[in-house]
Amino acid sequence: MSFQAYLDTIKNKTGQGPEDLMRLADAKGFSEGGKLKASVKAGQIIEWLKADYDLGHGHSMAVYALLTGKRKPGD
């Protein structure tokens, strides 16, 4: 599955696109300006997305990659 396919599935399941997820992570204190804070670990993002959106590990890791800047929409 491509990175963009993960993002598309997340949007279909949750109604939240990449920009929305970045804003939500900022609001939760995990990131600032859409960039993950250095103190935040992948497990915290996985727990948050599982609890709030029932996302699995792979989809949560896609959001983590988005927040770290390792991947961008369209990749």
PDB file of N, CA and C in Angstrom:
ATOM      1  N   MET A   1       0.854  -1.177   0.000  1.00  0.00           N
ATOM      2  CA  MET A   1       0.000   0.000   0.000  1.00  0.00           C
ATOM      3  C   MET A   1       0.899   1.238   0.000  1.00  0.00           C
ATOM      4  N   SER A   2       0.600   2.191  -0.862  1.00  0.00           N
ATOM      5  CA  SER A   2       1.388   3.418  -0.920  1.00  0.00           C
ATOM      6  C   SER A   2       1.042   4.319   0.265  1.00  0.00           C
ATOM      7  N   PHE A   3       1.931   5.248   0.525  1.00  0.00           N
ATOM      8  CA  PHE A   3       1.702   6.194   1.615  1.00  0.00           C
ATOM      9  C   PHE A   3       0.402   6.960   1.385  1.00  0.00           C
ATOM     10  N   GLN A   4       0.194   7.414   0.149  1.00  0.00           N
ATOM     11  CA  GLN A   4      -1.025   8.154  -0.158  1.00  0.00           C
ATOM     12  C   GLN A   4      -2.263   7.288   0.055  1.00  0.00           C
ATOM     13  N   ALA A   5      -2.167   6.007  -0.235  1.00  0.00           N
ATOM     14  CA  ALA A   5      -3.301   5.103   0.000  1.00  0.00           C
ATOM     15  C   ALA A   5      -3.636   5.020   1.489  1.00  0.00           C
ATOM     16  N   TYR A   6      -2.602   5.005   2.326  1.00  0.00           N
ATOM     17  CA  TYR A   6      -2.850   5.038   3.774  1.00  0.00           C
ATOM     18  C   TYR A   6      -3.609   6.306   4.148  1.00  0.00           C
ATOM     19  N   LEU A   7      -3.149   7.453   3.648  1.00  0.00           N
ATOM     20  CA  LEU A   7      -3.813   8.715   3.969  1.00  0.00           C
ATOM     21  C   LEU A   7      -5.243   8.746   3.458  1.00  0.00           C
ATOM     22  N   ASP A   8      -5.467   8.200   2.274  1.00  0.00           N
ATOM     23  CA  ASP A   8      -6.823   8.148   1.714  1.00  0.00           C
ATOM     24  C   ASP A   8      -7.743   7.283   2.577  1.00  0.00           C
ATOM     25  N   THR A   9      -7.238   6.146   3.030  1.00  0.00           N
ATOM     26  CA  THR A   9      -8.028   5.257   3.885  1.00  0.00           C
ATOM     27  C   THR A   9      -8.346   5.930   5.217  1.00  0.00           C
ATOM     28  N   ILE A  10      -7.366   6.623   5.780  1.00  0.00           N
ATOM     29  CA  ILE A  10      -7.585   7.347   7.037  1.00  0.00           C
ATOM     30  C   ILE A  10      -8.668   8.403   6.845  1.00  0.00           C
ATOM     31  N   LYS A  11      -8.602   9.144   5.746  1.00  0.00           N
ATOM     32  CA  LYS A  11      -9.603  10.182   5.457  1.00  0.00           C
ATOM     33  C   LYS A  11     -10.990   9.554   5.316  1.00  0.00           C
ATOM     34  N   ASN A  12     -11.086   8.442   4.612  1.00  0.00           N
ATOM     35  CA  ASN A  12     -12.375   7.768   4.436  1.00  0.00           C
ATOM     36  C   ASN A  12     -12.933   7.261   5.756  1.00  0.00           C
ATOM     37  N   LYS A  13     -12.059   6.754   6.616  1.00  0.00           N
ATOM     38  CA  LYS A  13     -12.504   6.176   7.883  1.00  0.00           C
ATOM     39  C   LYS A  13     -12.837   7.234   8.934  1.00  0.00           C
ATOM     40  N   THR A  14     -12.023   8.300   8.981  1.00  0.00           N
ATOM     41  CA  THR A  14     -12.147   9.269  10.073  1.00  0.00           C
ATOM     42  C   THR A  14     -12.707  10.622   9.649  1.00  0.00           C
ATOM     43  N   GLY A  15     -12.642  10.901   8.352  1.00  0.00           N
ATOM     44  CA  GLY A  15     -13.034  12.222   7.881  1.00  0.00           C
ATOM     45  C   GLY A  15     -11.934  13.251   8.049  1.00  0.00           C
ATOM     46  N   GLN A  16     -10.747  12.819   8.493  1.00  0.00           N
ATOM     47  CA  GLN A  16      -9.635  13.722   8.760  1.00  0.00           C
ATOM     48  C   GLN A  16      -8.551  13.556   7.690  1.00  0.00           C
ATOM     49  N   GLY A  17      -8.228  14.640   7.006  1.00  0.00           N
ATOM     50  CA  GLY A  17      -7.148  14.632   6.032  1.00  0.00           C
ATOM     51  C   GLY A  17      -5.820  14.956   6.700  1.00  0.00           C
ATOM     52  N   PRO A  18      -4.739  14.973   5.942  1.00  0.00           N
ATOM     53  CA  PRO A  18      -3.414  15.237   6.511  1.00  0.00           C
ATOM     54  C   PRO A  18      -3.333  16.553   7.297  1.00  0.00           C
ATOM     55  N   GLU A  19      -3.868  17.632   6.734  1.00  0.00           N
ATOM     56  CA  GLU A  19      -3.820  18.921   7.422  1.00  0.00           C
ATOM     57  C   GLU A  19      -4.623  18.877   8.720  1.00  0.00           C
ATOM     58  N   ASP A  20      -5.760  18.198   8.680  1.00  0.00           N
ATOM     59  CA  ASP A  20      -6.584  18.051   9.881  1.00  0.00           C
ATOM     60  C   ASP A  20      -5.823  17.294  10.965  1.00  0.00           C
ATOM     61  N   LEU A  21      -5.168  16.213  10.572  1.00  0.00           N
ATOM     62  CA  LEU A  21      -4.422  15.399  11.534  1.00  0.00           C
ATOM     63  C   LEU A  21      -3.275  16.181  12.147  1.00  0.00           C
ATOM     64  N   MET A  22      -2.638  17.023  11.348  1.00  0.00           N
ATOM     65  CA  MET A  22      -1.556  17.851  11.866  1.00  0.00           C
ATOM     66  C   MET A  22      -2.092  18.858  12.879  1.00  0.00           C
ATOM     67  N   ARG A  23      -3.225  19.455  12.597  1.00  0.00           N
ATOM     68  CA  ARG A  23      -3.838  20.398  13.544  1.00  0.00           C
ATOM     69  C   ARG A  23      -4.272  19.682  14.825  1.00  0.00           C
ATOM     70  N   LEU A  24      -4.846  18.502  14.672  1.00  0.00           N
ATOM     71  CA  LEU A  24      -5.267  17.733  15.847  1.00  0.00           C
ATOM     72  C   LEU A  24      -4.075  17.344  16.714  1.00  0.00           C
ATOM     73  N   ALA A  25      -2.969  16.960  16.091  1.00  0.00           N
ATOM     74  CA  ALA A  25      -1.756  16.613  16.843  1.00  0.00           C
ATOM     75  C   ALA A  25      -1.224  17.834  17.586  1.00  0.00           C
ATOM     76  N   ASP A  26      -1.304  19.008  16.951  1.00  0.00           N
ATOM     77  CA  ASP A  26      -0.909  20.245  17.634  1.00  0.00           C
ATOM     78  C   ASP A  26      -1.792  20.478  18.856  1.00  0.00           C
ATOM     79  N   ALA A  27      -3.110  20.325  18.674  1.00  0.00           N
ATOM     80  CA  ALA A  27      -4.058  20.550  19.766  1.00  0.00           C
ATOM     81  C   ALA A  27      -3.835  19.579  20.921  1.00  0.00           C
ATOM     82  N   LYS A  28      -3.403  18.358  20.610  1.00  0.00           N
ATOM     83  CA  LYS A  28      -3.127  17.346  21.644  1.00  0.00           C
ATOM     84  C   LYS A  28      -1.775  17.573  22.320  1.00  0.00           C
ATOM     85  N   GLY A  29      -0.965  18.473  21.753  1.00  0.00           N
ATOM     86  CA  GLY A  29       0.345  18.748  22.328  1.00  0.00           C
ATOM     87  C   GLY A  29       1.446  17.824  21.832  1.00  0.00           C
ATOM     88  N   PHE A  30       1.150  17.027  20.806  1.00  0.00           N
ATOM     89  CA  PHE A  30       2.148  16.116  20.250  1.00  0.00           C
ATOM     90  C   PHE A  30       3.084  16.820  19.269  1.00  0.00           C
ATOM     91  N   SER A  31       2.601  17.893  18.684  1.00  0.00           N
ATOM     92  CA  SER A  31       3.378  18.594  17.668  1.00  0.00           C
ATOM     93  C   SER A  31       3.161  20.088  17.819  1.00  0.00           C
ATOM     94  N   GLU A  32       3.973  20.819  17.080  1.00  0.00           N
ATOM     95  CA  GLU A  32       3.860  22.269  17.049  1.00  0.00           C
ATOM     96  C   GLU A  32       4.030  22.698  15.601  1.00  0.00           C
ATOM     97  N   GLY A  33       3.047  23.387  15.072  1.00  0.00           N
ATOM     98  CA  GLY A  33       3.096  23.780  13.666  1.00  0.00           C
ATOM     99  C   GLY A  33       3.111  22.588  12.730  1.00  0.00           C
ATOM    100  N   GLY A  34       2.509  21.476  13.171  1.00  0.00           N
ATOM    101  CA  GLY A  34       2.447  20.276  12.358  1.00  0.00           C
ATOM    102  C   GLY A  34       3.705  19.429  12.388  1.00  0.00           C
ATOM    103  N   LYS A  35       4.688  19.821  13.190  1.00  0.00           N
ATOM    104  CA  LYS A  35       5.944  19.066  13.309  1.00  0.00           C
ATOM    105  C   LYS A  35       5.993  18.396  14.677  1.00  0.00           C
ATOM    106  N   LEU A  36       6.250  17.117  14.681  1.00  0.00           N
ATOM    107  CA  LEU A  36       6.289  16.327  15.907  1.00  0.00           C
ATOM    108  C   LEU A  36       7.337  16.872  16.868  1.00  0.00           C
ATOM    109  N   LYS A  37       6.975  16.986  18.135  1.00  0.00           N
ATOM    110  CA  LYS A  37       7.934  17.402  19.156  1.00  0.00           C
ATOM    111  C   LYS A  37       8.926  16.271  19.395  1.00  0.00           C
ATOM    112  N   ALA A  38      10.166  16.635  19.676  1.00  0.00           N
ATOM    113  CA  ALA A  38      11.243  15.649  19.849  1.00  0.00           C
ATOM    114  C   ALA A  38      10.958  14.659  20.971  1.00  0.00           C
ATOM    115  N   SER A  39      10.216  15.078  21.968  1.00  0.00           N
ATOM    116  CA  SER A  39       9.941  14.217  23.122  1.00  0.00           C
ATOM    117  C   SER A  39       8.825  13.205  22.876  1.00  0.00           C
ATOM    118  N   VAL A  40       8.114  13.345  21.778  1.00  0.00           N
ATOM    119  CA  VAL A  40       6.968  12.472  21.490  1.00  0.00           C
ATOM    120  C   VAL A  40       7.437  11.231  20.737  1.00  0.00           C
ATOM    121  N   LYS A  41       7.018  10.089  21.216  1.00  0.00           N
ATOM    122  CA  LYS A  41       7.387   8.803  20.626  1.00  0.00           C
ATOM    123  C   LYS A  41       6.238   8.261  19.763  1.00  0.00           C
ATOM    124  N   ALA A  42       6.588   7.373  18.864  1.00  0.00           N
ATOM    125  CA  ALA A  42       5.599   6.774  17.967  1.00  0.00           C
ATOM    126  C   ALA A  42       4.458   6.118  18.736  1.00  0.00           C
ATOM    127  N   GLY A  43       4.782   5.457  19.843  1.00  0.00           N
ATOM    128  CA  GLY A  43       3.759   4.780  20.639  1.00  0.00           C
ATOM    129  C   GLY A  43       2.667   5.711  21.128  1.00  0.00           C
ATOM    130  N   GLN A  44       3.022   6.949  21.426  1.00  0.00           N
ATOM    131  CA  GLN A  44       2.026   7.917  21.878  1.00  0.00           C
ATOM    132  C   GLN A  44       1.044   8.257  20.748  1.00  0.00           C
ATOM    133  N   ILE A  45       1.564   8.379  19.545  1.00  0.00           N
ATOM    134  CA  ILE A  45       0.706   8.678  18.395  1.00  0.00           C
ATOM    135  C   ILE A  45      -0.190   7.479  18.103  1.00  0.00           C
ATOM    136  N   ILE A  46       0.364   6.292  18.176  1.00  0.00           N
ATOM    137  CA  ILE A  46      -0.415   5.075  17.957  1.00  0.00           C
ATOM    138  C   ILE A  46      -1.546   4.969  18.976  1.00  0.00           C
ATOM    139  N   GLU A  47      -1.245   5.193  20.252  1.00  0.00           N
ATOM    140  CA  GLU A  47      -2.274   5.128  21.308  1.00  0.00           C
ATOM    141  C   GLU A  47      -3.375   6.148  21.066  1.00  0.00           C
ATOM    142  N   TRP A  48      -3.003   7.378  20.736  1.00  0.00           N
ATOM    143  CA  TRP A  48      -3.970   8.449  20.484  1.00  0.00           C
ATOM    144  C   TRP A  48      -4.908   8.084  19.334  1.00  0.00           C
ATOM    145  N   LEU A  49      -4.339   7.663  18.212  1.00  0.00           N
ATOM    146  CA  LEU A  49      -5.160   7.383  17.039  1.00  0.00           C
ATOM    147  C   LEU A  49      -6.009   6.125  17.211  1.00  0.00           C
ATOM    148  N   LYS A  50      -5.526   5.170  17.976  1.00  0.00           N
ATOM    149  CA  LYS A  50      -6.318   3.974  18.283  1.00  0.00           C
ATOM    150  C   LYS A  50      -7.509   4.364  19.153  1.00  0.00           C
ATOM    151  N   ALA A  51      -7.244   5.142  20.186  1.00  0.00           N
ATOM    152  CA  ALA A  51      -8.303   5.531  21.128  1.00  0.00           C
ATOM    153  C   ALA A  51      -9.345   6.450  20.491  1.00  0.00           C
ATOM    154  N   ASP A  52      -8.911   7.437  19.745  1.00  0.00           N
ATOM    155  CA  ASP A  52      -9.829   8.438  19.216  1.00  0.00           C
ATOM    156  C   ASP A  52     -10.447   8.064  17.866  1.00  0.00           C
ATOM    157  N   TYR A  53      -9.724   7.269  17.055  1.00  0.00           N
ATOM    158  CA  TYR A  53     -10.191   6.997  15.695  1.00  0.00           C
ATOM    159  C   TYR A  53     -10.196   5.524  15.320  1.00  0.00           C
ATOM    160  N   ASP A  54      -9.826   4.655  16.238  1.00  0.00           N
ATOM    161  CA  ASP A  54      -9.772   3.213  16.004  1.00  0.00           C
ATOM    162  C   ASP A  54      -8.879   2.859  14.808  1.00  0.00           C
ATOM    163  N   LEU A  55      -7.768   3.593  14.671  1.00  0.00           N
ATOM    164  CA  LEU A  55      -6.811   3.291  13.610  1.00  0.00           C
ATOM    165  C   LEU A  55      -5.830   2.236  14.088  1.00  0.00           C
ATOM    166  N   GLY A  56      -5.404   1.382  13.187  1.00  0.00           N
ATOM    167  CA  GLY A  56      -4.430   0.351  13.510  1.00  0.00           C
ATOM    168  C   GLY A  56      -3.009   0.879  13.458  1.00  0.00           C
ATOM    169  N   HIS A  57      -2.079  -0.023  13.696  1.00  0.00           N
ATOM    170  CA  HIS A  57      -0.670   0.321  13.775  1.00  0.00           C
ATOM    171  C   HIS A  57      -0.136   0.941  12.476  1.00  0.00           C
ATOM    172  N   GLY A  58      -0.391   0.308  11.358  1.00  0.00           N
ATOM    173  CA  GLY A  58       0.138   0.790  10.078  1.00  0.00           C
ATOM    174  C   GLY A  58      -0.370   2.173   9.716  1.00  0.00           C
ATOM    175  N   HIS A  59      -1.656   2.401   9.883  1.00  0.00           N
ATOM    176  CA  HIS A  59      -2.218   3.708   9.561  1.00  0.00           C
ATOM    177  C   HIS A  59      -1.720   4.768  10.538  1.00  0.00           C
ATOM    178  N   SER A  60      -1.572   4.398  11.793  1.00  0.00           N
ATOM    179  CA  SER A  60      -1.035   5.333  12.781  1.00  0.00           C
ATOM    180  C   SER A  60       0.414   5.687  12.472  1.00  0.00           C
ATOM    181  N   MET A  61       1.177   4.709  12.013  1.00  0.00           N
ATOM    182  CA  MET A  61       2.571   4.981  11.651  1.00  0.00           C
ATOM    183  C   MET A  61       2.658   5.892  10.427  1.00  0.00           C
ATOM    184  N   ALA A  62       1.671   5.837   9.559  1.00  0.00           N
ATOM    185  CA  ALA A  62       1.631   6.768   8.427  1.00  0.00           C
ATOM    186  C   ALA A  62       1.455   8.198   8.944  1.00  0.00           C
ATOM    187  N   VAL A  63       0.603   8.376   9.931  1.00  0.00           N
ATOM    188  CA  VAL A  63       0.419   9.702  10.525  1.00  0.00           C
ATOM    189  C   VAL A  63       1.705  10.136  11.226  1.00  0.00           C
ATOM    190  N   TYR A  64       2.348   9.212  11.906  1.00  0.00           N
ATOM    191  CA  TYR A  64       3.628   9.513  12.558  1.00  0.00           C
ATOM    192  C   TYR A  64       4.653   9.974  11.519  1.00  0.00           C
ATOM    193  N   ALA A  65       4.736   9.295  10.396  1.00  0.00           N
ATOM    194  CA  ALA A  65       5.662   9.684   9.325  1.00  0.00           C
ATOM    195  C   ALA A  65       5.322  11.071   8.788  1.00  0.00           C
ATOM    196  N   LEU A  66       4.051  11.367   8.692  1.00  0.00           N
ATOM    197  CA  LEU A  66       3.600  12.683   8.264  1.00  0.00           C
ATOM    198  C   LEU A  66       4.069  13.748   9.244  1.00  0.00           C
ATOM    199  N   LEU A  67       3.883  13.484  10.536  1.00  0.00           N
ATOM    200  CA  LEU A  67       4.240  14.457  11.569  1.00  0.00           C
ATOM    201  C   LEU A  67       5.750  14.645  11.704  1.00  0.00           C
ATOM    202  N   THR A  68       6.521  13.596  11.429  1.00  0.00           N
ATOM    203  CA  THR A  68       7.970  13.725  11.518  1.00  0.00           C
ATOM    204  C   THR A  68       8.545  14.405  10.284  1.00  0.00           C
ATOM    205  N   GLY A  69       7.754  14.490   9.226  1.00  0.00           N
ATOM    206  CA  GLY A  69       8.222  15.099   7.985  1.00  0.00           C
ATOM    207  C   GLY A  69       8.943  14.109   7.078  1.00  0.00           C
ATOM    208  N   LYS A  70       8.966  12.837   7.467  1.00  0.00           N
ATOM    209  CA  LYS A  70       9.621  11.831   6.641  1.00  0.00           C
ATOM    210  C   LYS A  70       8.846  11.538   5.364  1.00  0.00           C
ATOM    211  N   ARG A  71       7.541  11.739   5.417  1.00  0.00           N
ATOM    212  CA  ARG A  71       6.674  11.500   4.252  1.00  0.00           C
ATOM    213  C   ARG A  71       5.735  12.688   4.111  1.00  0.00           C
ATOM    214  N   LYS A  72       5.284  12.915   2.887  1.00  0.00           N
ATOM    215  CA  LYS A  72       4.354  13.999   2.591  1.00  0.00           C
ATOM    216  C   LYS A  72       3.190  13.449   1.778  1.00  0.00           C
ATOM    217  N   PRO A  73       2.023  14.084   1.854  1.00  0.00           N
ATOM    218  CA  PRO A  73       0.912  13.642   1.018  1.00  0.00           C
ATOM    219  C   PRO A  73       1.345  13.591  -0.440  1.00  0.00           C
ATOM    220  N   GLY A  74       0.920  12.562  -1.127  1.00  0.00           N
ATOM    221  CA  GLY A  74       1.290  12.390  -2.525  1.00  0.00           C
ATOM    222  C   GLY A  74       2.472  11.448  -2.718  1.00  0.00           C
ATOM    223  N   ASP A  75       3.167  11.106  -1.607  1.00  0.00           N
ATOM    224  CA  ASP A  75       4.302  10.161  -1.684  1.00  0.00           C
ATOM    225  C   ASP A  75       3.812   8.770  -2.001  1.00  0.00           C
TER     226      ASP A  75
END
